N, C-alpha and C. Protein backbone atom coordinates (compact mmCIF):
# COMPACT_ATOMS: atom_id res chain seq x y z
N UNK A 1 34.01 -3.25 -4.45
CA UNK A 1 35.34 -3.08 -3.93
C UNK A 1 36.31 -3.65 -4.97
N UNK A 2 37.31 -2.86 -5.30
CA UNK A 2 38.33 -3.31 -6.25
C UNK A 2 39.70 -3.07 -5.62
N UNK A 3 40.67 -3.83 -6.11
CA UNK A 3 42.04 -3.63 -5.67
C UNK A 3 42.77 -2.78 -6.70
N UNK A 4 43.56 -1.85 -6.19
CA UNK A 4 44.38 -0.99 -7.04
C UNK A 4 45.76 -0.93 -6.39
N UNK A 5 46.73 -1.57 -7.04
CA UNK A 5 48.07 -1.70 -6.46
C UNK A 5 47.92 -2.45 -5.14
N UNK A 6 48.34 -1.86 -4.04
CA UNK A 6 48.25 -2.53 -2.74
C UNK A 6 47.10 -1.99 -1.89
N UNK A 7 46.15 -1.29 -2.52
CA UNK A 7 45.04 -0.69 -1.79
C UNK A 7 43.71 -1.17 -2.36
N UNK A 8 42.66 -0.99 -1.55
CA UNK A 8 41.31 -1.30 -2.01
C UNK A 8 40.55 0.01 -2.18
N UNK A 9 39.65 0.01 -3.14
CA UNK A 9 38.84 1.21 -3.40
C UNK A 9 37.39 0.78 -3.63
N UNK A 10 36.49 1.64 -3.20
CA UNK A 10 35.07 1.41 -3.42
C UNK A 10 34.65 2.23 -4.63
N UNK A 11 34.10 1.57 -5.63
CA UNK A 11 33.61 2.25 -6.83
C UNK A 11 32.09 2.29 -6.79
N UNK A 12 31.54 3.46 -7.03
CA UNK A 12 30.10 3.64 -7.01
C UNK A 12 29.62 4.14 -8.36
N UNK A 13 28.42 3.74 -8.73
CA UNK A 13 27.82 4.23 -9.96
C UNK A 13 27.28 5.63 -9.70
N UNK A 14 27.56 6.55 -10.60
CA UNK A 14 27.10 7.93 -10.43
C UNK A 14 25.62 8.05 -10.80
N UNK A 15 24.87 8.74 -9.95
CA UNK A 15 23.44 8.91 -10.20
C UNK A 15 23.14 10.09 -11.11
N UNK A 16 24.15 10.92 -11.39
CA UNK A 16 23.92 12.09 -12.23
C UNK A 16 24.28 11.84 -13.69
N UNK A 17 24.68 10.63 -14.03
CA UNK A 17 25.05 10.28 -15.40
C UNK A 17 23.99 9.36 -15.97
N UNK A 18 23.52 9.67 -17.16
CA UNK A 18 22.49 8.86 -17.81
C UNK A 18 23.13 7.60 -18.40
N UNK A 19 22.32 6.59 -18.70
CA UNK A 19 22.86 5.38 -19.34
C UNK A 19 23.60 5.68 -20.65
N UNK A 20 23.19 6.76 -21.34
CA UNK A 20 23.85 7.13 -22.60
C UNK A 20 25.13 7.93 -22.37
N UNK A 21 25.43 8.23 -21.11
CA UNK A 21 26.66 8.97 -20.81
C UNK A 21 26.47 10.47 -20.64
N UNK A 22 25.24 10.96 -20.77
CA UNK A 22 24.98 12.39 -20.56
C UNK A 22 24.83 12.69 -19.07
N UNK A 23 24.57 13.95 -18.78
CA UNK A 23 24.41 14.35 -17.38
C UNK A 23 22.96 14.75 -17.13
N UNK A 24 22.45 14.40 -15.96
CA UNK A 24 21.13 14.83 -15.54
C UNK A 24 21.23 16.22 -14.92
N UNK A 25 20.23 17.04 -15.15
CA UNK A 25 20.21 18.38 -14.57
C UNK A 25 20.02 18.27 -13.07
N UNK A 26 20.80 19.05 -12.33
CA UNK A 26 20.70 19.04 -10.87
C UNK A 26 20.65 20.46 -10.34
N UNK A 27 20.01 20.59 -9.18
CA UNK A 27 19.86 21.88 -8.52
C UNK A 27 20.16 21.65 -7.05
N UNK A 28 21.22 22.29 -6.54
CA UNK A 28 21.56 22.10 -5.13
C UNK A 28 20.55 22.81 -4.25
N UNK A 29 20.42 22.36 -3.02
CA UNK A 29 19.52 23.05 -2.09
C UNK A 29 20.07 24.42 -1.74
N UNK A 30 21.36 24.63 -1.88
CA UNK A 30 21.93 25.97 -1.66
C UNK A 30 21.34 26.94 -2.68
N UNK A 31 21.30 26.51 -3.94
CA UNK A 31 20.71 27.34 -4.99
C UNK A 31 19.21 27.46 -4.81
N UNK A 32 18.55 26.33 -4.56
CA UNK A 32 17.09 26.32 -4.41
C UNK A 32 16.63 27.26 -3.29
N UNK A 33 17.37 27.27 -2.18
CA UNK A 33 16.99 28.11 -1.04
C UNK A 33 17.60 29.51 -1.11
N UNK A 34 18.36 29.77 -2.18
CA UNK A 34 19.02 31.07 -2.37
C UNK A 34 19.84 31.46 -1.14
N UNK A 35 20.57 30.49 -0.60
CA UNK A 35 21.43 30.74 0.57
C UNK A 35 22.74 31.33 0.09
N UNK A 36 23.13 32.42 0.70
CA UNK A 36 24.35 33.11 0.27
C UNK A 36 25.28 33.31 1.45
N UNK A 37 26.57 33.39 1.12
CA UNK A 37 27.56 33.66 2.15
C UNK A 37 27.50 32.62 3.25
N UNK A 38 27.72 33.05 4.47
CA UNK A 38 27.64 32.15 5.61
C UNK A 38 26.19 32.11 6.07
N UNK A 39 25.51 31.07 5.66
CA UNK A 39 24.08 30.97 5.94
C UNK A 39 23.82 30.23 7.25
N UNK A 40 22.71 30.55 7.87
CA UNK A 40 22.22 29.84 9.06
C UNK A 40 20.85 29.28 8.72
N UNK A 41 20.84 28.07 8.21
CA UNK A 41 19.59 27.41 7.90
C UNK A 41 19.60 26.02 8.52
N UNK A 42 18.47 25.39 8.49
CA UNK A 42 18.40 24.07 9.10
C UNK A 42 17.67 23.08 8.23
N UNK A 43 17.55 21.90 8.79
CA UNK A 43 16.84 20.84 8.08
C UNK A 43 15.38 21.21 7.83
N UNK A 44 14.79 22.04 8.67
CA UNK A 44 13.42 22.50 8.42
C UNK A 44 13.33 23.21 7.07
N UNK A 45 14.35 24.03 6.76
CA UNK A 45 14.40 24.75 5.48
C UNK A 45 14.57 23.78 4.32
N UNK A 46 15.42 22.76 4.50
CA UNK A 46 15.64 21.77 3.45
C UNK A 46 14.34 21.01 3.20
N UNK A 47 13.65 20.62 4.25
CA UNK A 47 12.38 19.91 4.13
C UNK A 47 11.38 20.76 3.33
N UNK A 48 11.28 22.04 3.68
CA UNK A 48 10.35 22.92 2.97
C UNK A 48 10.73 23.08 1.51
N UNK A 49 12.03 23.22 1.22
CA UNK A 49 12.49 23.34 -0.16
C UNK A 49 12.15 22.10 -0.99
N UNK A 50 12.40 20.93 -0.44
CA UNK A 50 12.08 19.69 -1.16
C UNK A 50 10.58 19.57 -1.35
N UNK A 51 9.79 19.88 -0.32
CA UNK A 51 8.33 19.79 -0.42
C UNK A 51 7.80 20.71 -1.51
N UNK A 52 8.39 21.89 -1.65
CA UNK A 52 7.91 22.87 -2.63
C UNK A 52 8.25 22.51 -4.07
N UNK A 53 9.33 21.77 -4.30
CA UNK A 53 9.83 21.55 -5.66
C UNK A 53 9.60 20.13 -6.17
N UNK A 54 9.57 19.17 -5.28
CA UNK A 54 9.52 17.77 -5.69
C UNK A 54 8.24 17.43 -6.46
N UNK A 55 8.41 16.60 -7.48
CA UNK A 55 7.25 16.09 -8.22
C UNK A 55 6.66 14.87 -7.52
N UNK A 56 7.34 14.37 -6.49
CA UNK A 56 6.84 13.25 -5.67
C UNK A 56 7.22 13.54 -4.22
N UNK A 57 6.59 14.57 -3.62
CA UNK A 57 7.03 15.02 -2.30
C UNK A 57 6.94 13.96 -1.20
N UNK A 58 5.93 13.13 -1.20
CA UNK A 58 5.81 12.14 -0.13
C UNK A 58 7.01 11.20 -0.12
N UNK A 59 7.37 10.67 -1.29
CA UNK A 59 8.52 9.76 -1.39
C UNK A 59 9.82 10.48 -1.09
N UNK A 60 9.97 11.69 -1.64
CA UNK A 60 11.22 12.43 -1.44
C UNK A 60 11.40 12.88 0.01
N UNK A 61 10.32 13.24 0.68
CA UNK A 61 10.45 13.65 2.07
C UNK A 61 10.81 12.48 2.98
N UNK A 62 10.30 11.29 2.69
CA UNK A 62 10.74 10.14 3.49
C UNK A 62 12.21 9.84 3.22
N UNK A 63 12.61 9.93 1.95
CA UNK A 63 14.03 9.71 1.62
C UNK A 63 14.89 10.77 2.32
N UNK A 64 14.45 12.02 2.31
CA UNK A 64 15.18 13.08 2.99
C UNK A 64 15.31 12.79 4.48
N UNK A 65 14.23 12.33 5.10
CA UNK A 65 14.30 12.00 6.53
C UNK A 65 15.33 10.90 6.77
N UNK A 66 15.38 9.91 5.90
CA UNK A 66 16.39 8.85 6.03
C UNK A 66 17.79 9.46 5.96
N UNK A 67 18.00 10.42 5.06
CA UNK A 67 19.30 11.08 4.95
C UNK A 67 19.62 11.88 6.21
N UNK A 68 18.63 12.55 6.76
CA UNK A 68 18.83 13.34 7.98
C UNK A 68 19.26 12.42 9.13
N UNK A 69 18.55 11.31 9.29
CA UNK A 69 18.89 10.37 10.36
C UNK A 69 20.28 9.78 10.12
N UNK A 70 20.59 9.44 8.89
CA UNK A 70 21.92 8.90 8.57
C UNK A 70 23.00 9.92 8.90
N UNK A 71 22.79 11.17 8.51
CA UNK A 71 23.78 12.21 8.83
C UNK A 71 23.99 12.33 10.33
N UNK A 72 22.90 12.25 11.09
CA UNK A 72 23.01 12.35 12.55
C UNK A 72 23.74 11.14 13.12
N UNK A 73 23.36 9.94 12.70
CA UNK A 73 23.97 8.72 13.25
C UNK A 73 25.44 8.60 12.89
N UNK A 74 25.80 9.01 11.69
CA UNK A 74 27.20 8.92 11.26
C UNK A 74 28.02 10.13 11.69
N UNK A 75 27.37 11.11 12.30
CA UNK A 75 28.04 12.36 12.65
C UNK A 75 28.65 12.99 11.39
N UNK A 76 27.86 13.00 10.31
CA UNK A 76 28.29 13.65 9.08
C UNK A 76 28.10 15.16 9.25
N UNK A 77 29.09 15.81 9.82
CA UNK A 77 29.00 17.24 10.10
C UNK A 77 29.23 18.09 8.86
N UNK A 78 29.50 17.45 7.73
CA UNK A 78 29.66 18.16 6.46
C UNK A 78 28.32 18.18 5.72
N UNK A 79 27.25 18.41 6.45
CA UNK A 79 25.90 18.34 5.90
C UNK A 79 25.41 19.72 5.43
N UNK A 80 26.21 20.37 4.59
CA UNK A 80 25.83 21.69 4.08
C UNK A 80 24.90 21.57 2.88
N UNK A 81 24.35 22.70 2.46
CA UNK A 81 23.30 22.71 1.44
C UNK A 81 23.75 22.24 0.06
N UNK A 82 25.04 22.29 -0.24
CA UNK A 82 25.49 21.77 -1.54
C UNK A 82 25.59 20.26 -1.54
N UNK A 83 25.38 19.63 -0.39
CA UNK A 83 25.38 18.17 -0.31
C UNK A 83 23.97 17.60 -0.31
N UNK A 84 23.00 18.41 -0.70
CA UNK A 84 21.63 17.99 -0.95
C UNK A 84 21.25 18.57 -2.29
N UNK A 85 20.58 17.78 -3.13
CA UNK A 85 20.25 18.29 -4.45
C UNK A 85 18.96 17.65 -4.97
N UNK A 86 18.35 18.38 -5.89
CA UNK A 86 17.21 17.88 -6.64
C UNK A 86 17.72 17.59 -8.05
N UNK A 87 17.16 16.56 -8.67
CA UNK A 87 17.60 16.12 -9.99
C UNK A 87 16.39 15.99 -10.90
N UNK A 88 16.52 16.45 -12.13
CA UNK A 88 15.43 16.34 -13.10
C UNK A 88 15.37 14.90 -13.61
N UNK A 89 14.27 14.21 -13.29
CA UNK A 89 14.08 12.81 -13.68
C UNK A 89 12.62 12.58 -13.99
N UNK A 90 12.38 11.87 -15.04
CA UNK A 90 11.01 11.45 -15.37
C UNK A 90 10.03 12.62 -15.39
N UNK A 91 10.47 13.75 -15.90
CA UNK A 91 9.58 14.89 -16.08
C UNK A 91 9.34 15.74 -14.84
N UNK A 92 10.16 15.59 -13.81
CA UNK A 92 10.00 16.40 -12.61
C UNK A 92 11.25 16.40 -11.75
N UNK A 93 11.27 17.26 -10.75
CA UNK A 93 12.40 17.36 -9.83
C UNK A 93 12.24 16.33 -8.72
N UNK A 94 13.32 15.56 -8.48
CA UNK A 94 13.33 14.54 -7.43
C UNK A 94 14.61 14.67 -6.60
N UNK A 95 14.50 14.33 -5.34
CA UNK A 95 15.66 14.36 -4.45
C UNK A 95 16.68 13.33 -4.91
N UNK A 96 17.94 13.72 -4.92
CA UNK A 96 18.99 12.78 -5.31
C UNK A 96 19.26 11.80 -4.18
N UNK A 97 19.91 10.70 -4.50
CA UNK A 97 20.39 9.84 -3.42
C UNK A 97 21.39 10.62 -2.56
N UNK A 98 21.62 10.14 -1.35
CA UNK A 98 22.60 10.77 -0.46
C UNK A 98 23.99 10.68 -1.09
N UNK A 99 24.79 11.73 -0.87
CA UNK A 99 26.16 11.73 -1.37
C UNK A 99 27.05 12.57 -0.47
N UNK A 100 28.35 12.41 -0.65
CA UNK A 100 29.37 13.15 0.09
C UNK A 100 29.16 13.02 1.60
N UNK A 101 29.11 11.79 2.05
CA UNK A 101 28.88 11.50 3.47
C UNK A 101 30.19 11.03 4.09
N UNK A 102 30.53 11.67 5.19
CA UNK A 102 31.78 11.35 5.87
C UNK A 102 31.62 11.58 7.37
N UNK A 103 31.92 10.56 8.18
CA UNK A 103 31.85 10.79 9.63
C UNK A 103 32.77 11.94 10.05
N UNK A 104 32.56 12.45 11.21
CA UNK A 104 33.25 13.64 11.73
C UNK A 104 34.72 13.36 12.04
N UNK A 105 35.51 13.07 11.02
CA UNK A 105 36.92 12.74 11.23
C UNK A 105 37.74 13.94 11.69
N UNK A 106 37.25 15.15 11.46
CA UNK A 106 37.96 16.35 11.92
C UNK A 106 37.54 16.77 13.32
N UNK A 107 36.65 16.00 13.94
CA UNK A 107 36.20 16.26 15.30
C UNK A 107 35.54 17.64 15.45
N UNK A 108 34.71 18.01 14.47
CA UNK A 108 34.00 19.30 14.51
C UNK A 108 32.93 19.33 15.60
N UNK A 109 32.25 18.21 15.78
CA UNK A 109 31.21 18.01 16.79
C UNK A 109 29.96 18.85 16.58
N UNK A 110 29.88 19.61 15.52
CA UNK A 110 28.67 20.37 15.21
C UNK A 110 28.38 20.25 13.72
N UNK A 111 27.11 20.00 13.41
CA UNK A 111 26.68 19.92 12.03
C UNK A 111 26.55 21.32 11.44
N UNK A 112 26.61 21.41 10.13
CA UNK A 112 26.41 22.70 9.46
C UNK A 112 24.94 23.10 9.56
N UNK A 113 24.05 22.16 9.25
CA UNK A 113 22.62 22.45 9.29
C UNK A 113 22.07 22.29 10.71
N UNK A 114 21.05 23.05 11.01
CA UNK A 114 20.43 23.08 12.33
C UNK A 114 19.34 22.01 12.41
N UNK A 115 19.32 21.27 13.52
CA UNK A 115 18.33 20.24 13.79
C UNK A 115 17.21 20.82 14.66
N UNK A 116 16.52 21.82 14.16
CA UNK A 116 15.42 22.42 14.91
C UNK A 116 15.89 22.98 16.24
N UNK A 117 15.14 22.71 17.30
CA UNK A 117 15.47 23.28 18.60
C UNK A 117 16.74 22.70 19.20
N UNK A 118 17.26 21.59 18.66
CA UNK A 118 18.50 20.98 19.16
C UNK A 118 19.73 21.72 18.63
N UNK A 119 19.54 22.65 17.73
CA UNK A 119 20.68 23.38 17.18
C UNK A 119 21.54 22.50 16.28
N UNK A 120 22.83 22.65 16.40
CA UNK A 120 23.78 21.96 15.51
C UNK A 120 24.18 20.57 16.01
N UNK A 121 23.61 20.15 17.13
CA UNK A 121 23.93 18.82 17.69
C UNK A 121 22.64 18.03 17.82
N UNK A 122 22.42 17.09 16.90
CA UNK A 122 21.13 16.38 16.86
C UNK A 122 20.86 15.52 18.09
N UNK A 123 19.60 15.39 18.39
CA UNK A 123 19.13 14.49 19.45
C UNK A 123 18.05 13.59 18.85
N UNK A 124 17.78 12.46 19.47
CA UNK A 124 16.69 11.62 18.96
C UNK A 124 15.35 12.36 18.91
N UNK A 125 15.06 13.21 19.90
CA UNK A 125 13.79 13.96 19.88
C UNK A 125 13.75 14.94 18.72
N UNK A 126 14.88 15.60 18.42
CA UNK A 126 14.93 16.52 17.28
C UNK A 126 14.70 15.76 15.98
N UNK A 127 15.25 14.56 15.87
CA UNK A 127 15.03 13.74 14.68
C UNK A 127 13.56 13.37 14.55
N UNK A 128 12.93 13.01 15.65
CA UNK A 128 11.49 12.67 15.60
C UNK A 128 10.67 13.87 15.13
N UNK A 129 11.01 15.06 15.62
CA UNK A 129 10.31 16.27 15.19
C UNK A 129 10.47 16.49 13.69
N UNK A 130 11.69 16.28 13.17
CA UNK A 130 11.93 16.46 11.74
C UNK A 130 11.18 15.41 10.92
N UNK A 131 11.09 14.20 11.45
CA UNK A 131 10.32 13.16 10.76
C UNK A 131 8.86 13.55 10.62
N UNK A 132 8.30 14.10 11.69
CA UNK A 132 6.90 14.56 11.63
C UNK A 132 6.77 15.70 10.63
N UNK A 133 7.76 16.59 10.59
CA UNK A 133 7.73 17.69 9.63
C UNK A 133 7.80 17.17 8.19
N UNK A 134 8.42 16.01 8.01
CA UNK A 134 8.46 15.37 6.68
C UNK A 134 7.14 14.68 6.34
N UNK A 135 6.18 14.73 7.26
CA UNK A 135 4.87 14.14 7.01
C UNK A 135 4.74 12.69 7.41
N UNK A 136 5.69 12.18 8.17
CA UNK A 136 5.65 10.79 8.60
C UNK A 136 4.95 10.68 9.95
N UNK A 137 4.20 9.63 10.13
CA UNK A 137 3.56 9.38 11.41
C UNK A 137 4.57 8.86 12.43
N UNK A 138 4.20 8.88 13.70
CA UNK A 138 5.13 8.46 14.76
C UNK A 138 5.69 7.04 14.56
N UNK A 139 4.83 6.11 14.13
CA UNK A 139 5.30 4.75 13.91
C UNK A 139 6.34 4.69 12.79
N UNK A 140 6.07 5.38 11.68
CA UNK A 140 7.02 5.35 10.55
C UNK A 140 8.33 6.05 10.94
N UNK A 141 8.24 7.15 11.68
CA UNK A 141 9.44 7.84 12.15
C UNK A 141 10.31 6.87 12.95
N UNK A 142 9.70 6.16 13.88
CA UNK A 142 10.44 5.20 14.71
C UNK A 142 11.04 4.07 13.87
N UNK A 143 10.27 3.58 12.89
CA UNK A 143 10.78 2.51 12.02
C UNK A 143 12.00 2.96 11.24
N UNK A 144 11.92 4.14 10.64
CA UNK A 144 13.05 4.66 9.86
C UNK A 144 14.27 4.86 10.75
N UNK A 145 14.07 5.46 11.91
CA UNK A 145 15.19 5.70 12.81
C UNK A 145 15.84 4.37 13.23
N UNK A 146 15.02 3.37 13.51
CA UNK A 146 15.56 2.06 13.91
C UNK A 146 16.31 1.40 12.76
N UNK A 147 15.76 1.49 11.54
CA UNK A 147 16.41 0.89 10.37
C UNK A 147 17.79 1.49 10.14
N UNK A 148 17.84 2.81 10.15
CA UNK A 148 19.13 3.50 9.90
C UNK A 148 20.11 3.19 11.03
N UNK A 149 19.66 3.27 12.27
CA UNK A 149 20.55 3.00 13.40
C UNK A 149 21.09 1.57 13.34
N UNK A 150 20.24 0.60 12.97
CA UNK A 150 20.70 -0.79 12.86
C UNK A 150 21.77 -0.94 11.79
N UNK A 151 21.58 -0.28 10.66
CA UNK A 151 22.60 -0.34 9.59
C UNK A 151 23.91 0.27 10.06
N UNK A 152 23.83 1.41 10.71
CA UNK A 152 25.04 2.08 11.17
C UNK A 152 25.73 1.24 12.26
N UNK A 153 24.93 0.61 13.11
CA UNK A 153 25.52 -0.24 14.15
C UNK A 153 26.30 -1.41 13.56
N UNK A 154 25.99 -1.83 12.33
CA UNK A 154 26.73 -2.93 11.72
C UNK A 154 28.01 -2.46 11.05
N UNK A 155 28.38 -1.22 11.30
CA UNK A 155 29.61 -0.64 10.73
C UNK A 155 30.82 -1.54 10.98
N UNK A 156 30.98 -2.00 12.19
CA UNK A 156 32.16 -2.82 12.53
C UNK A 156 32.22 -4.10 11.70
N UNK A 157 31.07 -4.74 11.49
CA UNK A 157 31.08 -5.98 10.70
C UNK A 157 31.44 -5.71 9.24
N UNK A 158 31.01 -4.56 8.71
CA UNK A 158 31.40 -4.20 7.34
C UNK A 158 32.91 -3.96 7.28
N UNK A 159 33.43 -3.30 8.30
CA UNK A 159 34.89 -3.05 8.34
C UNK A 159 35.65 -4.37 8.35
N UNK A 160 35.20 -5.31 9.14
CA UNK A 160 35.86 -6.62 9.19
C UNK A 160 35.77 -7.32 7.83
N UNK A 161 34.58 -7.29 7.22
CA UNK A 161 34.38 -7.97 5.94
C UNK A 161 35.28 -7.42 4.85
N UNK A 162 35.59 -6.11 4.93
CA UNK A 162 36.41 -5.49 3.89
C UNK A 162 37.83 -5.18 4.37
N UNK A 163 38.23 -5.82 5.45
CA UNK A 163 39.61 -5.73 5.97
C UNK A 163 40.07 -4.31 6.26
N UNK A 164 39.17 -3.50 6.78
CA UNK A 164 39.56 -2.15 7.21
C UNK A 164 40.40 -2.32 8.47
N UNK A 165 41.57 -1.71 8.53
CA UNK A 165 42.39 -1.85 9.73
C UNK A 165 41.61 -1.45 10.99
N UNK A 166 41.78 -2.22 12.06
CA UNK A 166 41.01 -2.00 13.29
C UNK A 166 41.18 -0.59 13.83
N UNK A 167 42.38 -0.05 13.77
CA UNK A 167 42.61 1.31 14.28
C UNK A 167 41.80 2.33 13.49
N UNK A 168 41.70 2.15 12.16
CA UNK A 168 40.91 3.07 11.33
C UNK A 168 39.43 2.94 11.65
N UNK A 169 38.96 1.69 11.78
CA UNK A 169 37.55 1.46 12.10
C UNK A 169 37.21 2.07 13.46
N UNK A 170 38.06 1.88 14.45
CA UNK A 170 37.82 2.43 15.79
C UNK A 170 37.84 3.95 15.78
N UNK A 171 38.73 4.54 14.99
CA UNK A 171 38.82 6.00 14.89
C UNK A 171 37.49 6.58 14.41
N UNK A 172 36.93 5.99 13.37
CA UNK A 172 35.67 6.48 12.82
C UNK A 172 34.51 6.17 13.77
N UNK A 173 34.49 4.98 14.33
CA UNK A 173 33.42 4.59 15.24
C UNK A 173 33.33 5.52 16.45
N UNK A 174 34.45 5.98 16.94
CA UNK A 174 34.46 6.88 18.10
C UNK A 174 33.81 8.22 17.78
N UNK A 175 33.66 8.56 16.51
CA UNK A 175 33.08 9.83 16.10
C UNK A 175 31.60 9.71 15.77
N UNK A 176 30.99 8.58 16.08
CA UNK A 176 29.57 8.36 15.78
C UNK A 176 28.78 8.11 17.06
N UNK A 177 28.77 9.05 18.01
CA UNK A 177 28.13 8.78 19.30
C UNK A 177 26.61 8.67 19.24
N UNK A 178 25.95 9.40 18.37
CA UNK A 178 24.49 9.40 18.38
C UNK A 178 23.91 8.05 17.97
N UNK A 179 24.64 7.30 17.15
CA UNK A 179 24.10 6.03 16.68
C UNK A 179 23.74 5.10 17.84
N UNK A 180 24.40 5.26 18.99
CA UNK A 180 24.09 4.43 20.15
C UNK A 180 22.79 4.85 20.81
N UNK A 181 22.37 6.10 20.58
CA UNK A 181 21.19 6.66 21.25
C UNK A 181 19.91 6.58 20.44
N UNK A 182 20.03 6.37 19.13
CA UNK A 182 18.84 6.37 18.26
C UNK A 182 18.12 5.03 18.38
N UNK A 183 16.87 5.08 18.68
CA UNK A 183 16.06 3.85 18.82
C UNK A 183 14.88 3.94 17.89
């Protein structure tokens, strides 16, 4: 966190820039899945795409599941295919860290990607099904869901620590209903 004039800003290190200042090759899931126009795809398709391309599918699929749960808990309804990517690293394609995450400030109430049988509105059961599809056992699925939900539940304390105005924090918190239901 840095101060700029009378405002604070969060600066993050870019994962697509090499230490020498070059760029790492990236491939969006939109390109990987050859999705065109107004597509109707879901997290099942993203899971399959990552499994097919990743040089470390077990690790990348668990990371992807963490991103799926985070998107659900934060109500990140901007979860389209260009916000998931594979990156060329260490001689193979690997899932990038999560990026472009924003709670549902526009009150869309529906995600772009489909959560299996739950459609565009995730449920804890739909998340469990996606975790199993990622190759995780029931215990690991529950652990990941609990870890992510606990982090998201501490949202208010982070807001306090960084002096986010209470009205802004409450506005965003009201748009994250699933985080209360994920166990």
